[in-house]
C-alpha atoms as a PDB file:
ATOM      1  CA  UNK A   1      37.234  -9.973 -13.134  1.00  0.00           C
ATOM      2  CA  UNK A   2      35.113  -6.870 -13.773  1.00  0.00           C
ATOM      3  CA  UNK A   3      31.987  -9.156 -14.379  1.00  0.00           C
ATOM      4  CA  UNK A   4      32.463 -10.778 -10.931  1.00  0.00           C
ATOM      5  CA  UNK A   5      32.827  -7.430  -9.101  1.00  0.00           C
ATOM      6  CA  UNK A   6      29.775  -6.313 -10.826  1.00  0.00           C
ATOM      7  CA  UNK A   7      27.821  -9.452  -9.630  1.00  0.00           C
ATOM      8  CA  UNK A   8      29.047  -8.937  -6.139  1.00  0.00           C
ATOM      9  CA  UNK A   9      28.009  -5.189  -6.143  1.00  0.00           C
ATOM     10  CA  UNK A  10      24.611  -6.076  -7.515  1.00  0.00           C
ATOM     11  CA  UNK A  11      24.066  -8.738  -4.911  1.00  0.00           C
ATOM     12  CA  UNK A  12      24.896  -6.362  -2.034  1.00  0.00           C
ATOM     13  CA  UNK A  13      22.790  -3.545  -3.409  1.00  0.00           C
ATOM     14  CA  UNK A  14      19.748  -5.683  -4.305  1.00  0.00           C
ATOM     15  CA  UNK A  15      19.284  -7.504  -1.010  1.00  0.00           C
ATOM     16  CA  UNK A  16      18.680  -4.398   1.139  1.00  0.00           C
ATOM     17  CA  UNK A  17      16.494  -3.105  -1.717  1.00  0.00           C
ATOM     18  CA  UNK A  18      14.481  -6.352  -1.737  1.00  0.00           C
ATOM     19  CA  UNK A  19      14.347  -6.490   2.180  1.00  0.00           C
ATOM     20  CA  UNK A  20      12.925  -2.876   2.101  1.00  0.00           C
ATOM     21  CA  UNK A  21      10.432  -3.611  -0.539  1.00  0.00           C
ATOM     22  CA  UNK A  22       9.046  -6.663   1.589  1.00  0.00           C
ATOM     23  CA  UNK A  23       8.947  -4.509   4.697  1.00  0.00           C
ATOM     24  CA  UNK A  24       6.725  -2.214   2.725  1.00  0.00           C
ATOM     25  CA  UNK A  25       4.711  -5.132   1.607  1.00  0.00           C
ATOM     26  CA  UNK A  26       4.163  -6.356   5.082  1.00  0.00           C
ATOM     27  CA  UNK A  27       2.917  -2.888   6.158  1.00  0.00           C
ATOM     28  CA  UNK A  28       0.500  -2.985   3.264  1.00  0.00           C
ATOM     29  CA  UNK A  29      -0.885  -6.218   4.542  1.00  0.00           C
ATOM     30  CA  UNK A  30      -1.113  -4.975   8.000  1.00  0.00           C
ATOM     31  CA  UNK A  31      -3.059  -1.908   6.934  1.00  0.00           C
ATOM     32  CA  UNK A  32      -5.459  -4.080   5.008  1.00  0.00           C
ATOM     33  CA  UNK A  33      -6.178  -6.035   8.202  1.00  0.00           C
ATOM     34  CA  UNK A  34      -6.858  -2.758  10.124  1.00  0.00           C
ATOM     35  CA  UNK A  35      -9.069  -1.457   7.320  1.00  0.00           C
ATOM     36  CA  UNK A  36     -11.190  -4.671   7.706  1.00  0.00           C
ATOM     37  CA  UNK A  37     -11.173  -4.236  11.400  1.00  0.00           C
ATOM     38  CA  UNK A  38     -12.390  -0.732  11.068  1.00  0.00           C
ATOM     39  CA  UNK A  39     -15.499  -1.936   9.382  1.00  0.00           C
ATOM     40  CA  UNK A  40     -16.159  -4.514  11.957  1.00  0.00           C
ATOM     41  CA  UNK A  41     -15.907  -1.903  14.815  1.00  0.00           C
ATOM     42  CA  UNK A  42     -18.461   0.346  12.740  1.00  0.00           C
ATOM     43  CA  UNK A  43     -20.913  -2.632  12.666  1.00  0.00           C
ATOM     44  CA  UNK A  44     -20.390  -3.167  16.249  1.00  0.00           C
ATOM     45  CA  UNK A  45     -21.487   0.503  16.805  1.00  0.00           C
ATOM     46  CA  UNK A  46     -24.477  -0.011  14.669  1.00  0.00           C
ATOM     47  CA  UNK A  47     -25.209  -3.239  16.581  1.00  0.00           C
ATOM     48  CA  UNK A  48     -25.339  -1.407  19.913  1.00  0.00           C
ATOM     49  CA  UNK A  49     -27.132   1.558  18.365  1.00  0.00           C
ATOM     50  CA  UNK A  50     -24.510   4.093  18.845  1.00  0.00           C
ATOM     51  CA  UNK A  51     -22.988   3.293  22.281  1.00  0.00           C
ATOM     52  CA  UNK A  52     -20.956   6.459  22.960  1.00  0.00           C
ATOM     53  CA  UNK A  53     -18.060   4.339  24.246  1.00  0.00           C
ATOM     54  CA  UNK A  54     -17.946   2.350  21.131  1.00  0.00           C
ATOM     55  CA  UNK A  55     -18.270   5.396  18.877  1.00  0.00           C
ATOM     56  CA  UNK A  56     -15.177   6.750  20.548  1.00  0.00           C
ATOM     57  CA  UNK A  57     -13.329   3.423  20.072  1.00  0.00           C
ATOM     58  CA  UNK A  58     -14.366   3.397  16.523  1.00  0.00           C
ATOM     59  CA  UNK A  59     -13.160   7.059  15.981  1.00  0.00           C
ATOM     60  CA  UNK A  60      -9.839   6.324  17.733  1.00  0.00           C
ATOM     61  CA  UNK A  61      -9.150   3.303  15.515  1.00  0.00           C
ATOM     62  CA  UNK A  62     -10.159   5.328  12.553  1.00  0.00           C
ATOM     63  CA  UNK A  63      -7.435   7.898  13.305  1.00  0.00           C
ATOM     64  CA  UNK A  64      -4.882   5.293  14.030  1.00  0.00           C
ATOM     65  CA  UNK A  65      -5.666   3.705  10.530  1.00  0.00           C
ATOM     66  CA  UNK A  66      -5.606   7.063   8.880  1.00  0.00           C
ATOM     67  CA  UNK A  67      -2.051   7.586  10.309  1.00  0.00           C
ATOM     68  CA  UNK A  68      -0.915   4.220   9.265  1.00  0.00           C
ATOM     69  CA  UNK A  69      -2.361   4.737   5.765  1.00  0.00           C
ATOM     70  CA  UNK A  70      -0.375   7.914   5.328  1.00  0.00           C
ATOM     71  CA  UNK A  71       2.753   6.320   6.495  1.00  0.00           C
ATOM     72  CA  UNK A  72       2.291   3.340   4.059  1.00  0.00           C
ATOM     73  CA  UNK A  73       1.675   5.732   1.048  1.00  0.00           C
ATOM     74  CA  UNK A  74       4.566   7.915   2.026  1.00  0.00           C
ATOM     75  CA  UNK A  75       6.931   4.996   2.009  1.00  0.00           C
ATOM     76  CA  UNK A  76       5.718   3.450  -1.402  1.00  0.00           C
ATOM     77  CA  UNK A  77       8.399   3.737  -4.202  1.00  0.00           C
ATOM     78  CA  UNK A  78       7.664   6.150  -7.045  1.00  0.00           C
ATOM     79  CA  UNK A  79       6.357   3.428  -9.517  1.00  0.00           C
ATOM     80  CA  UNK A  80       3.286   2.883  -7.052  1.00  0.00           C
ATOM     81  CA  UNK A  81       2.194   6.460  -7.321  1.00  0.00           C
ATOM     82  CA  UNK A  82      -0.977   5.605  -9.250  1.00  0.00           C
ATOM     83  CA  UNK A  83      -1.944   2.716  -6.828  1.00  0.00           C
ATOM     84  CA  UNK A  84      -1.171   5.205  -3.870  1.00  0.00           C
ATOM     85  CA  UNK A  85      -3.428   7.696  -5.398  1.00  0.00           C
ATOM     86  CA  UNK A  86      -6.216   5.183  -5.845  1.00  0.00           C
ATOM     87  CA  UNK A  87      -5.750   4.098  -2.037  1.00  0.00           C
ATOM     88  CA  UNK A  88      -6.169   7.764  -1.157  1.00  0.00           C
ATOM     89  CA  UNK A  89      -9.185   8.392  -3.122  1.00  0.00           C
ATOM     90  CA  UNK A  90     -10.979   5.221  -2.022  1.00  0.00           C
ATOM     91  CA  UNK A  91     -10.032   6.019   1.778  1.00  0.00           C
ATOM     92  CA  UNK A  92     -11.474   9.570   1.508  1.00  0.00           C
ATOM     93  CA  UNK A  93     -14.774   8.017  -0.018  1.00  0.00           C
ATOM     94  CA  UNK A  94     -14.921   5.379   2.689  1.00  0.00           C
ATOM     95  CA  UNK A  95     -14.153   7.846   5.491  1.00  0.00           C
ATOM     96  CA  UNK A  96     -16.760  10.301   4.278  1.00  0.00           C
ATOM     97  CA  UNK A  97     -19.531   7.673   4.237  1.00  0.00           C
ATOM     98  CA  UNK A  98     -18.230   6.273   7.695  1.00  0.00           C
ATOM     99  CA  UNK A  99     -18.721   9.745   9.084  1.00  0.00           C
ATOM    100  CA  UNK A 100     -22.139  10.076   7.520  1.00  0.00           C
ATOM    101  CA  UNK A 101     -23.344   6.651   8.896  1.00  0.00           C
ATOM    102  CA  UNK A 102     -21.970   7.635  12.461  1.00  0.00           C
ATOM    103  CA  UNK A 103     -24.088  10.902  12.321  1.00  0.00           C
ATOM    104  CA  UNK A 104     -27.164   9.038  11.361  1.00  0.00           C
ATOM    105  CA  UNK A 105     -26.716   6.547  14.184  1.00  0.00           C
ATOM    106  CA  UNK A 106     -26.164   9.360  16.737  1.00  0.00           C
ATOM    107  CA  UNK A 107     -29.247  11.305  15.468  1.00  0.00           C
ATOM    108  CA  UNK A 108     -31.729   8.367  14.841  1.00  0.00           C
ATOM    109  CA  UNK A 109     -30.012   5.132  15.892  1.00  0.00           C
ATOM    110  CA  UNK A 110     -30.393   3.767  12.398  1.00  0.00           C
ATOM    111  CA  UNK A 111     -28.338   4.498   9.352  1.00  0.00           C
ATOM    112  CA  UNK A 112     -29.527   4.569   5.756  1.00  0.00           C
ATOM    113  CA  UNK A 113     -29.035   1.156   4.093  1.00  0.00           C
ATOM    114  CA  UNK A 114     -27.826   2.828   0.874  1.00  0.00           C
ATOM    115  CA  UNK A 115     -25.072   4.728   2.611  1.00  0.00           C
ATOM    116  CA  UNK A 116     -23.918   1.565   4.579  1.00  0.00           C
ATOM    117  CA  UNK A 117     -23.818  -0.261   1.230  1.00  0.00           C
ATOM    118  CA  UNK A 118     -21.758   2.383  -0.425  1.00  0.00           C
ATOM    119  CA  UNK A 119     -19.490   2.494   2.497  1.00  0.00           C
ATOM    120  CA  UNK A 120     -18.813  -1.102   2.394  1.00  0.00           C
ATOM    121  CA  UNK A 121     -18.189  -0.809  -1.529  1.00  0.00           C
ATOM    122  CA  UNK A 122     -15.609   2.031  -1.052  1.00  0.00           C
ATOM    123  CA  UNK A 123     -13.911  -0.212   1.664  1.00  0.00           C
ATOM    124  CA  UNK A 124     -13.862  -3.232  -0.717  1.00  0.00           C
ATOM    125  CA  UNK A 125     -12.253  -0.996  -3.470  1.00  0.00           C
ATOM    126  CA  UNK A 126      -9.667   0.167  -0.945  1.00  0.00           C
ATOM    127  CA  UNK A 127      -8.721  -3.458  -0.111  1.00  0.00           C
ATOM    128  CA  UNK A 128      -8.504  -4.140  -3.867  1.00  0.00           C
ATOM    129  CA  UNK A 129      -5.967  -1.438  -4.133  1.00  0.00           C
ATOM    130  CA  UNK A 130      -3.893  -2.707  -1.297  1.00  0.00           C
ATOM    131  CA  UNK A 131      -4.051  -6.250  -2.587  1.00  0.00           C
ATOM    132  CA  UNK A 132      -2.898  -4.992  -6.008  1.00  0.00           C
ATOM    133  CA  UNK A 133       0.148  -3.089  -4.435  1.00  0.00           C
ATOM    134  CA  UNK A 134       1.159  -6.198  -2.409  1.00  0.00           C
ATOM    135  CA  UNK A 135       1.034  -8.600  -5.447  1.00  0.00           C
ATOM    136  CA  UNK A 136       3.061  -6.174  -7.430  1.00  0.00           C
ATOM    137  CA  UNK A 137       5.765  -5.791  -4.638  1.00  0.00           C
ATOM    138  CA  UNK A 138       6.029  -9.658  -4.361  1.00  0.00           C
ATOM    139  CA  UNK A 139       6.626  -9.931  -8.203  1.00  0.00           C
ATOM    140  CA  UNK A 140       9.085  -6.846  -8.184  1.00  0.00           C
ATOM    141  CA  UNK A 141      11.110  -8.350  -5.246  1.00  0.00           C
ATOM    142  CA  UNK A 142      10.966 -11.980  -6.809  1.00  0.00           C
ATOM    143  CA  UNK A 143      10.193 -13.064  -3.172  1.00  0.00           C
ATOM    144  CA  UNK A 144       7.885 -16.013  -1.968  1.00  0.00           C
ATOM    145  CA  UNK A 145       6.300 -15.501   1.367  1.00  0.00           C
ATOM    146  CA  UNK A 146       7.309 -18.054   3.988  1.00  0.00           C
ATOM    147  CA  UNK A 147       4.997 -20.856   4.964  1.00  0.00           C
ATOM    148  CA  UNK A 148       4.353 -19.283   8.406  1.00  0.00           C
ATOM    149  CA  UNK A 149       3.641 -15.742   6.908  1.00  0.00           C
ATOM    150  CA  UNK A 150       1.178 -17.298   4.506  1.00  0.00           C
ATOM    151  CA  UNK A 151      -0.410 -19.252   7.332  1.00  0.00           C
ATOM    152  CA  UNK A 152      -0.828 -16.227   9.512  1.00  0.00           C
ATOM    153  CA  UNK A 153      -2.186 -14.072   6.776  1.00  0.00           C
ATOM    154  CA  UNK A 154      -4.824 -16.789   5.856  1.00  0.00           C
ATOM    155  CA  UNK A 155      -6.007 -17.334   9.372  1.00  0.00           C
ATOM    156  CA  UNK A 156      -6.295 -13.651   9.834  1.00  0.00           C
ATOM    157  CA  UNK A 157      -8.395 -13.072   6.704  1.00  0.00           C
ATOM    158  CA  UNK A 158     -10.605 -16.248   7.406  1.00  0.00           C
ATOM    159  CA  UNK A 159     -11.232 -14.951  10.942  1.00  0.00           C
ATOM    160  CA  UNK A 160     -12.101 -11.375   9.731  1.00  0.00           C
ATOM    161  CA  UNK A 161     -14.381 -12.843   7.097  1.00  0.00           C
ATOM    162  CA  UNK A 162     -16.228 -14.960   9.678  1.00  0.00           C
ATOM    163  CA  UNK A 163     -16.615 -12.078  12.117  1.00  0.00           C
ATOM    164  CA  UNK A 164     -17.739  -9.567   9.556  1.00  0.00           C
ATOM    165  CA  UNK A 165     -20.618 -11.873   8.582  1.00  0.00           C
ATOM    166  CA  UNK A 166     -21.491 -12.337  12.226  1.00  0.00           C
ATOM    167  CA  UNK A 167     -21.140  -8.748  13.450  1.00  0.00           C
ATOM    168  CA  UNK A 168     -23.170  -7.650  10.434  1.00  0.00           C
ATOM    169  CA  UNK A 169     -25.903 -10.000  11.276  1.00  0.00           C
ATOM    170  CA  UNK A 170     -25.937  -8.630  14.802  1.00  0.00           C
ATOM    171  CA  UNK A 171     -26.297  -5.143  13.354  1.00  0.00           C
ATOM    172  CA  UNK A 172     -29.026  -6.262  11.073  1.00  0.00           C
ATOM    173  CA  UNK A 173     -31.030  -7.750  13.910  1.00  0.00           C
ATOM    174  CA  UNK A 174     -31.271  -4.612  15.584  1.00  0.00           C
ATOM    175  CA  UNK A 175     -32.851  -2.639  12.715  1.00  0.00           C
ATOM    176  CA  UNK A 176     -30.547  -2.221   9.693  1.00  0.00           C
ATOM    177  CA  UNK A 177     -31.263  -4.582   6.735  1.00  0.00           C
ATOM    178  CA  UNK A 178     -28.494  -7.100   5.929  1.00  0.00           C
ATOM    179  CA  UNK A 179     -26.156  -5.845   3.076  1.00  0.00           C
ATOM    180  CA  UNK A 180     -23.530  -8.459   2.912  1.00  0.00           C
ATOM    181  CA  UNK A 181     -23.600 -11.083   0.006  1.00  0.00           C
ATOM    182  CA  UNK A 182     -24.383 -14.705   0.857  1.00  0.00           C
ATOM    183  CA  UNK A 183     -21.305 -16.726   1.867  1.00  0.00           C
ATOM    184  CA  UNK A 184     -21.193 -20.123   3.474  1.00  0.00           C
ATOM    185  CA  UNK A 185     -19.907 -19.077   6.881  1.00  0.00           C
ATOM    186  CA  UNK A 186     -19.524 -22.777   8.038  1.00  0.00           C
ATOM    187  CA  UNK A 187     -17.088 -23.335   5.207  1.00  0.00           C
ATOM    188  CA  UNK A 188     -15.042 -20.413   6.453  1.00  0.00           C
ATOM    189  CA  UNK A 189     -15.028 -21.753   9.945  1.00  0.00           C
ATOM    190  CA  UNK A 190     -13.939 -25.183   8.879  1.00  0.00           C
ATOM    191  CA  UNK A 191     -11.091 -23.611   6.923  1.00  0.00           C
ATOM    192  CA  UNK A 192      -9.923 -21.610  10.001  1.00  0.00           C
ATOM    193  CA  UNK A 193     -10.233 -24.675  12.326  1.00  0.00           C
ATOM    194  CA  UNK A 194      -8.213 -26.769   9.816  1.00  0.00           C
ATOM    195  CA  UNK A 195      -5.416 -24.189   9.918  1.00  0.00           C
ATOM    196  CA  UNK A 196      -5.185 -24.367  13.691  1.00  0.00           C
ATOM    197  CA  UNK A 197      -5.228 -28.045  13.687  1.00  0.00           C
ATOM    198  CA  UNK A 198      -2.496 -28.378  10.922  1.00  0.00           C
ATOM    199  CA  UNK A 199      -0.155 -26.074  12.796  1.00  0.00           C
ATOM    200  CA  UNK A 200      -0.691 -27.735  16.118  1.00  0.00           C
ATOM    201  CA  UNK A 201       0.646 -31.107  14.616  1.00  0.00           C
ATOM    202  CA  UNK A 202       3.683 -29.159  13.525  1.00  0.00           C
ATOM    203  CA  UNK A 203       4.336 -27.060  16.622  1.00  0.00           C
ATOM    204  CA  UNK A 204       7.493 -28.060  18.440  1.00  0.00           C
ATOM    205  CA  UNK A 205       7.621 -25.611  21.520  1.00  0.00           C
ATOM    206  CA  UNK A 206       5.376 -25.468  24.428  1.00  0.00           C
ATOM    207  CA  UNK A 207       4.843 -21.778  23.883  1.00  0.00           C
ATOM    208  CA  UNK A 208       3.451 -22.300  20.634  1.00  0.00           C
ATOM    209  CA  UNK A 209       1.099 -25.100  21.798  1.00  0.00           C
ATOM    210  CA  UNK A 210      -0.047 -22.739  24.483  1.00  0.00           C
ATOM    211  CA  UNK A 211      -0.831 -19.891  22.104  1.00  0.00           C
ATOM    212  CA  UNK A 212      -2.602 -22.144  19.706  1.00  0.00           C
ATOM    213  CA  UNK A 213      -4.621 -23.681  22.559  1.00  0.00           C
ATOM    214  CA  UNK A 214      -5.848 -20.145  23.649  1.00  0.00           C
ATOM    215  CA  UNK A 215      -6.692 -19.274  20.035  1.00  0.00           C
ATOM    216  CA  UNK A 216      -8.632 -22.480  19.734  1.00  0.00           C
ATOM    217  CA  UNK A 217     -10.463 -21.760  22.962  1.00  0.00           C
ATOM    218  CA  UNK A 218     -11.539 -18.269  21.858  1.00  0.00           C
ATOM    219  CA  UNK A 219     -12.207 -19.355  18.250  1.00  0.00           C
ATOM    220  CA  UNK A 220     -14.688 -22.072  19.446  1.00  0.00           C
ATOM    221  CA  UNK A 221     -16.690 -19.282  21.069  1.00  0.00           C
ATOM    222  CA  UNK A 222     -16.777 -17.277  17.917  1.00  0.00           C
ATOM    223  CA  UNK A 223     -17.466 -20.212  15.812  1.00  0.00           C
ATOM    224  CA  UNK A 224     -20.418 -21.303  17.753  1.00  0.00           C
ATOM    225  CA  UNK A 225     -21.774 -17.764  17.737  1.00  0.00           C
ATOM    226  CA  UNK A 226     -21.196 -17.403  14.074  1.00  0.00           C
ATOM    227  CA  UNK A 227     -22.780 -20.667  12.923  1.00  0.00           C
ATOM    228  CA  UNK A 228     -25.867 -20.889  15.098  1.00  0.00           C
ATOM    229  CA  UNK A 229     -28.546 -18.442  13.910  1.00  0.00           C
ATOM    230  CA  UNK A 230     -30.551 -19.078  17.005  1.00  0.00           C
ATOM    231  CA  UNK A 231     -27.874 -18.223  19.492  1.00  0.00           C
ATOM    232  CA  UNK A 232     -27.862 -15.163  21.476  1.00  0.00           C
ATOM    233  CA  UNK A 233     -26.068 -12.364  19.764  1.00  0.00           C
ATOM    234  CA  UNK A 234     -23.009 -11.296  21.765  1.00  0.00           C
ATOM    235  CA  UNK A 235     -20.987  -8.768  19.365  1.00  0.00           C
ATOM    236  CA  UNK A 236     -18.936  -7.331  22.340  1.00  0.00           C
ATOM    237  CA  UNK A 237     -17.410 -10.790  23.359  1.00  0.00           C
ATOM    238  CA  UNK A 238     -16.859 -11.776  19.581  1.00  0.00           C
ATOM    239  CA  UNK A 239     -15.121  -8.258  18.941  1.00  0.00           C
ATOM    240  CA  UNK A 240     -13.023  -8.758  22.034  1.00  0.00           C
ATOM    241  CA  UNK A 241     -11.985 -12.338  21.267  1.00  0.00           C
ATOM    242  CA  UNK A 242     -11.309 -11.307  17.590  1.00  0.00           C
ATOM    243  CA  UNK A 243      -8.803  -8.700  18.652  1.00  0.00           C
ATOM    244  CA  UNK A 244      -7.129 -11.171  21.020  1.00  0.00           C
ATOM    245  CA  UNK A 245      -6.780 -13.787  18.348  1.00  0.00           C
ATOM    246  CA  UNK A 246      -5.343 -11.297  15.946  1.00  0.00           C
ATOM    247  CA  UNK A 247      -2.686 -10.324  18.283  1.00  0.00           C
ATOM    248  CA  UNK A 248      -1.881 -14.013  19.251  1.00  0.00           C
ATOM    249  CA  UNK A 249      -1.645 -15.084  15.659  1.00  0.00           C
ATOM    250  CA  UNK A 250       1.335 -12.746  15.194  1.00  0.00           C
ATOM    251  CA  UNK A 251       3.232 -14.441  17.875  1.00  0.00           C
ATOM    252  CA  UNK A 252       2.794 -18.027  16.555  1.00  0.00           C
ATOM    253  CA  UNK A 253       5.949 -19.578  15.282  1.00  0.00           C
ATOM    254  CA  UNK A 254       6.995 -23.284  14.529  1.00  0.00           C
END
């Protein structure tokens, strides 16, 4: 009887704890998406040679991501203190270099290639920190992410990978040398397209079909711009459609 009572108590205590851990894990993933988007917005500023409106939007997004980062770190359990410290350290480095690049663009229109490269490396280290935290949380909670959550995350990451390569090319064509490593962008596009097609075949509601159709329509524009080196560069529309697709992906359900 005592054993049964212990098992019941353990069940009721562990379920809320597991749910809390996975809520934190979702926040960590969302932060990683916004950190990636922040770099894209910087490249957009670079591509448009310091357009004041874009600079303001970039700084506003940076402030939002900073507040989000602080909230995520504050919510981390004590056992993630080392990982949290690493996130703060790499964020500070990334933010310092971001400010330096913005200053260079404001003063001379073109940033220094080495500083852009260092900024990107700091951002990659920050993303690695967040990925490690997410992985540890999933292991700790012994939770497998649902098929829909995995699909949404995969599609978001593929989209951001494609747009990063495109928007950096746009920035490069206007004066700054390319800093990104060589990746088969066409392969990334095919993977994203396959993900949309697969879910459309499973979608059972008109609303889901409508959302996927809108996503596909905007995606086709991004894919054409990203895979055609001879096409006119349109970073403003690509970034606008990227924000729209990211929002719509969160609303897709089976």
